[in-house]
C-alpha cells in the first residue's frame, strides 16, 4: 500500500516560509500605515484559511483511519492531534490581534501581532517536523491513495477558488521543476489551464504587493 507523501512535504515548505515572512512583514509596517497593514492582514487570512483547512482535513480524514489500523502508532497520532490544538490556539489569538492592528496600524498592536506570530511559528515548526519524521511514514504504509487524495479534495471543497489559486502559488514557489510537474499533473486539464492563464499571473501580482519593501 506504500506510496509517496512528498506532496505534503512541499505544502509544509510553504507554511514554514510564510509563517516566517509574516513575522518580518508585520514588523516592517510603519506605525499608522493602515493601507500596508491591510495588505498583510489580508495575506495572513489567506494563510490562516489554508492552514486551517489543511489541518481539518487531517483531523477528519487522516487520523481516524490511522487510529483504526495502527495500534503501535496511536501515541504518534494522538500527539499530532494535540499539536493541531496548540497551533489552532495561536491562530485564535491572531484572529483577535490582527484586526486590532489592522484597524490602526499602531506600534503596540503591531508588536503584539509579531509576538503571537513568533509563538505560532514555534508551535507550527515543532508539529511539521514531527509529522514529517514520524507520521508520514505511517500514512504511506497504512493509508490508501484514494484516502490520501481526499485531503486535497477537502481543501478544494472548503476554500474559495481565488484563495485556492493563491495557496497553490505559495506551494509551487519553492518546488523544483520535478515537484512542480508532479503537483500540476495532479490537476484536471481545465484547472491546469486556469492556473497558467489566470492563477499564475494573479499570484505574481499578489505576492509582489504582499512582499513590497
Protein backbone atom coordinates (compact mmCIF):
# COMPACT_ATOMS: atom_id res chain seq x y z
CA UNK A 1 0.00 0.00 0.00
CA UNK A 2 3.03 2.28 0.35
CA UNK A 3 3.03 5.48 -1.76
CA UNK A 4 4.80 8.84 -1.96
CA UNK A 5 3.78 11.53 0.55
CA UNK A 6 6.16 14.14 -0.89
CA UNK A 7 3.32 16.46 -1.83
CA UNK A 8 2.63 17.16 1.84
CA UNK A 9 6.28 17.99 2.49
CA UNK A 10 6.11 20.54 -0.35
CA UNK A 11 2.98 22.08 1.22
CA UNK A 12 4.78 22.25 4.56
CA UNK A 13 7.58 24.27 2.96
CA UNK A 14 5.07 26.98 2.10
CA UNK A 15 3.75 27.10 5.67
CA UNK A 16 7.28 27.29 7.06
CA UNK A 17 8.22 30.13 4.72
CA UNK A 18 5.04 32.16 5.10
CA UNK A 19 5.00 31.86 8.90
CA UNK A 20 8.49 33.38 8.90
CA UNK A 21 7.72 36.07 6.33
CA UNK A 22 4.55 37.12 8.13
CA UNK A 23 6.60 37.97 11.23
CA UNK A 24 9.04 40.01 9.14
CA UNK A 25 6.36 41.76 7.08
CA UNK A 26 4.27 42.78 10.08
CA UNK A 27 7.35 44.02 11.97
CA UNK A 28 8.30 46.23 9.00
CA UNK A 29 4.98 48.10 8.82
CA UNK A 30 5.38 51.71 9.93
CA UNK A 31 3.04 52.89 12.71
CA UNK A 32 -0.08 54.40 11.21
CA UNK A 33 0.30 52.79 7.76
CA UNK A 34 -3.14 51.19 7.70
CA UNK A 35 -3.03 50.57 3.94
CA UNK A 36 0.05 48.39 4.29
CA UNK A 37 -1.34 46.71 7.40
CA UNK A 38 -4.46 45.73 5.45
CA UNK A 39 -2.39 44.11 2.68
CA UNK A 40 -0.50 41.98 5.22
CA UNK A 41 -3.63 41.21 7.24
CA UNK A 42 -5.41 40.00 4.11
CA UNK A 43 -2.46 37.76 3.29
CA UNK A 44 -2.48 36.39 6.83
CA UNK A 45 -6.16 35.50 6.41
CA UNK A 46 -5.36 33.52 3.23
CA UNK A 47 -2.52 31.73 5.06
CA UNK A 48 -4.74 31.11 8.06
CA UNK A 49 -7.52 29.58 5.96
CA UNK A 50 -5.06 27.37 4.11
CA UNK A 51 -3.53 26.08 7.34
CA UNK A 52 -6.94 25.63 8.98
CA UNK A 53 -8.29 23.57 6.07
CA UNK A 54 -5.06 21.59 5.81
CA UNK A 55 -5.27 20.59 9.47
CA UNK A 56 -9.02 19.98 9.47
CA UNK A 57 -8.59 17.63 6.52
CA UNK A 58 -6.07 15.63 8.54
CA UNK A 59 -8.32 15.69 11.62
CA UNK A 60 -11.31 14.38 9.69
CA UNK A 61 -9.78 12.16 7.02
CA UNK A 62 -6.32 11.01 8.16
CA UNK A 63 -6.28 10.49 11.91
CA UNK A 64 -9.42 8.28 12.19
CA UNK A 65 -8.34 5.59 9.69
CA UNK A 66 -4.81 5.58 11.07
CA UNK A 67 -6.07 5.15 14.63
CA UNK A 68 -8.15 2.19 13.50
CA UNK A 69 -5.24 0.49 11.74
CA UNK A 70 -2.02 1.31 13.61
CA UNK A 71 -2.18 0.24 17.26
CA UNK A 72 1.50 0.92 17.90
CA UNK A 73 1.25 4.36 16.28
CA UNK A 74 -1.65 5.62 18.35
CA UNK A 75 0.62 7.71 20.56
CA UNK A 76 2.01 9.45 17.47
CA UNK A 77 -1.46 10.23 16.12
CA UNK A 78 -2.69 11.49 19.49
CA UNK A 79 0.40 13.72 19.65
CA UNK A 80 -0.45 15.10 16.20
CA UNK A 81 -3.95 15.93 17.40
CA UNK A 82 -2.60 17.74 20.46
CA UNK A 83 -0.19 19.70 18.27
CA UNK A 84 -3.05 20.74 15.99
CA UNK A 85 -4.87 22.09 19.02
CA UNK A 86 -1.82 24.12 20.05
CA UNK A 87 -1.43 25.56 16.55
CA UNK A 88 -5.12 26.42 16.46
CA UNK A 89 -4.84 28.20 19.80
CA UNK A 90 -2.16 30.50 18.37
CA UNK A 91 -4.30 31.14 15.30
CA UNK A 92 -7.23 32.05 17.53
CA UNK A 93 -5.00 34.57 19.30
CA UNK A 94 -4.04 36.01 15.93
CA UNK A 95 -7.71 36.24 14.95
CA UNK A 96 -8.04 38.80 17.74
CA UNK A 97 -4.67 40.51 17.42
CA UNK A 98 -4.53 41.03 13.64
CA UNK A 99 -7.80 43.01 13.26
CA UNK A 100 -6.85 45.22 16.21
CA UNK A 101 -3.54 46.03 14.49
CA UNK A 102 -5.11 46.35 11.05
CA UNK A 103 -7.56 49.00 12.27
CA UNK A 104 -4.93 51.50 13.42
CA UNK A 105 -1.52 50.06 12.49
CA UNK A 106 -0.46 51.06 15.98
CA UNK A 107 3.06 50.17 17.13
CA UNK A 108 1.86 48.37 20.27
CA UNK A 109 -0.71 46.36 18.31
CA UNK A 110 1.93 45.54 15.69
CA UNK A 111 4.33 44.28 18.34
CA UNK A 112 1.57 42.12 19.83
CA UNK A 113 0.92 40.51 16.44
CA UNK A 114 4.63 39.84 15.94
CA UNK A 115 4.91 38.24 19.38
CA UNK A 116 1.95 35.93 18.69
CA UNK A 117 3.36 35.07 15.26
CA UNK A 118 6.63 34.08 16.94
CA UNK A 119 4.71 31.73 19.24
CA UNK A 120 2.65 30.43 16.33
CA UNK A 121 5.69 29.63 14.22
CA UNK A 122 7.46 27.83 17.06
CA UNK A 123 4.48 25.55 17.65
CA UNK A 124 3.91 25.07 13.92
CA UNK A 125 7.51 24.09 13.16
CA UNK A 126 7.55 21.61 16.02
CA UNK A 127 4.44 20.00 14.56
CA UNK A 128 5.56 19.97 10.91
CA UNK A 129 8.95 18.49 11.78
CA UNK A 130 7.37 15.80 13.96
CA UNK A 131 4.72 15.00 11.38
CA UNK A 132 7.25 14.53 8.59
CA UNK A 133 9.53 12.36 10.73
CA UNK A 134 7.01 10.12 12.46
CA UNK A 135 3.56 10.42 10.89
CA UNK A 136 4.14 10.48 7.13
CA UNK A 137 5.88 7.08 7.10
CA UNK A 138 2.80 5.60 8.83
CA UNK A 139 0.48 7.28 6.34
CA UNK A 140 2.50 5.97 3.41
CA UNK A 141 2.12 2.44 4.73
CA UNK A 142 -1.43 2.37 6.09
CA UNK A 143 -3.44 4.96 4.10
CA UNK A 144 -4.74 4.23 0.61
CA UNK A 145 -4.00 6.56 -2.30
CA UNK A 146 -7.72 7.35 -2.52
CA UNK A 147 -7.80 8.35 1.15
CA UNK A 148 -4.67 10.45 0.68
CA UNK A 149 -6.21 12.20 -2.34
CA UNK A 150 -9.27 13.05 -0.26
CA UNK A 151 -7.13 15.51 1.73
CA UNK A 152 -6.69 17.63 -1.38
CA UNK A 153 -10.37 17.29 -2.17
CA UNK A 154 -11.25 18.59 1.29
CA UNK A 155 -9.05 21.64 0.81
CA UNK A 156 -10.56 22.41 -2.60
CA UNK A 157 -14.13 21.99 -1.33
CA UNK A 158 -13.60 24.32 1.62
CA UNK A 159 -11.53 27.10 0.04
CA UNK A 160 -12.85 29.92 -2.20
CA UNK A 161 -11.43 29.49 -5.69
CA UNK A 162 -9.41 32.73 -5.79
CA UNK A 163 -7.80 31.96 -2.43
CA UNK A 164 -7.11 28.44 -3.70
CA UNK A 165 -5.10 29.96 -6.57
CA UNK A 166 -3.08 31.98 -4.06
CA UNK A 167 -2.40 28.93 -1.92
CA UNK A 168 -1.36 26.90 -4.95
CA UNK A 169 1.07 29.66 -5.90
CA UNK A 170 2.53 29.62 -2.40
CA UNK A 171 3.10 25.88 -2.61
CA UNK A 172 4.65 26.00 -6.08
CA UNK A 173 7.00 28.84 -5.18
CA UNK A 174 9.85 26.73 -3.79
CA UNK A 175 9.06 23.49 -5.60
CA UNK A 176 11.71 22.35 -8.04
CA UNK A 177 10.91 21.50 -11.65
CA UNK A 178 10.07 17.85 -10.97
CA UNK A 179 7.91 18.75 -7.97
CA UNK A 180 6.02 21.40 -9.93
CA UNK A 181 5.37 18.89 -12.68
CA UNK A 182 4.09 16.37 -10.13
CA UNK A 183 1.75 18.87 -8.49
CA UNK A 184 0.43 20.22 -11.78
CA UNK A 185 -0.10 16.71 -13.17
CA UNK A 186 -2.49 16.03 -10.30
CA UNK A 187 -4.84 18.76 -11.52
CA UNK A 188 -7.55 18.18 -14.14
CA UNK A 189 -6.52 19.64 -17.51
CA UNK A 190 -9.05 22.54 -17.35
CA UNK A 191 -7.76 23.52 -13.90
CA UNK A 192 -4.17 23.47 -15.15
CA UNK A 193 -5.27 25.82 -17.89
CA UNK A 194 -6.89 28.16 -15.36
CA UNK A 195 -3.70 28.18 -13.33
CA UNK A 196 -1.49 29.09 -16.27
CA UNK A 197 -3.84 31.73 -17.73
CA UNK A 198 -5.32 33.28 -14.57
CA UNK A 199 -3.72 31.86 -11.45
CA UNK A 200 -0.03 32.30 -12.14
CA UNK A 201 -0.13 35.98 -13.20
CA UNK A 202 -2.61 36.76 -10.42
CA UNK A 203 -0.32 35.13 -7.86
CA UNK A 204 2.69 37.07 -9.16
CA UNK A 205 0.82 40.36 -8.70
CA UNK A 206 -0.42 39.33 -5.26
CA UNK A 207 2.95 38.29 -3.91
CA UNK A 208 4.71 41.40 -5.25
CA UNK A 209 2.18 43.52 -3.39
CA UNK A 210 2.50 41.50 -0.18
CA UNK A 211 6.29 41.45 -0.13
CA UNK A 212 6.85 45.02 -1.31
CA UNK A 213 9.53 46.83 0.66
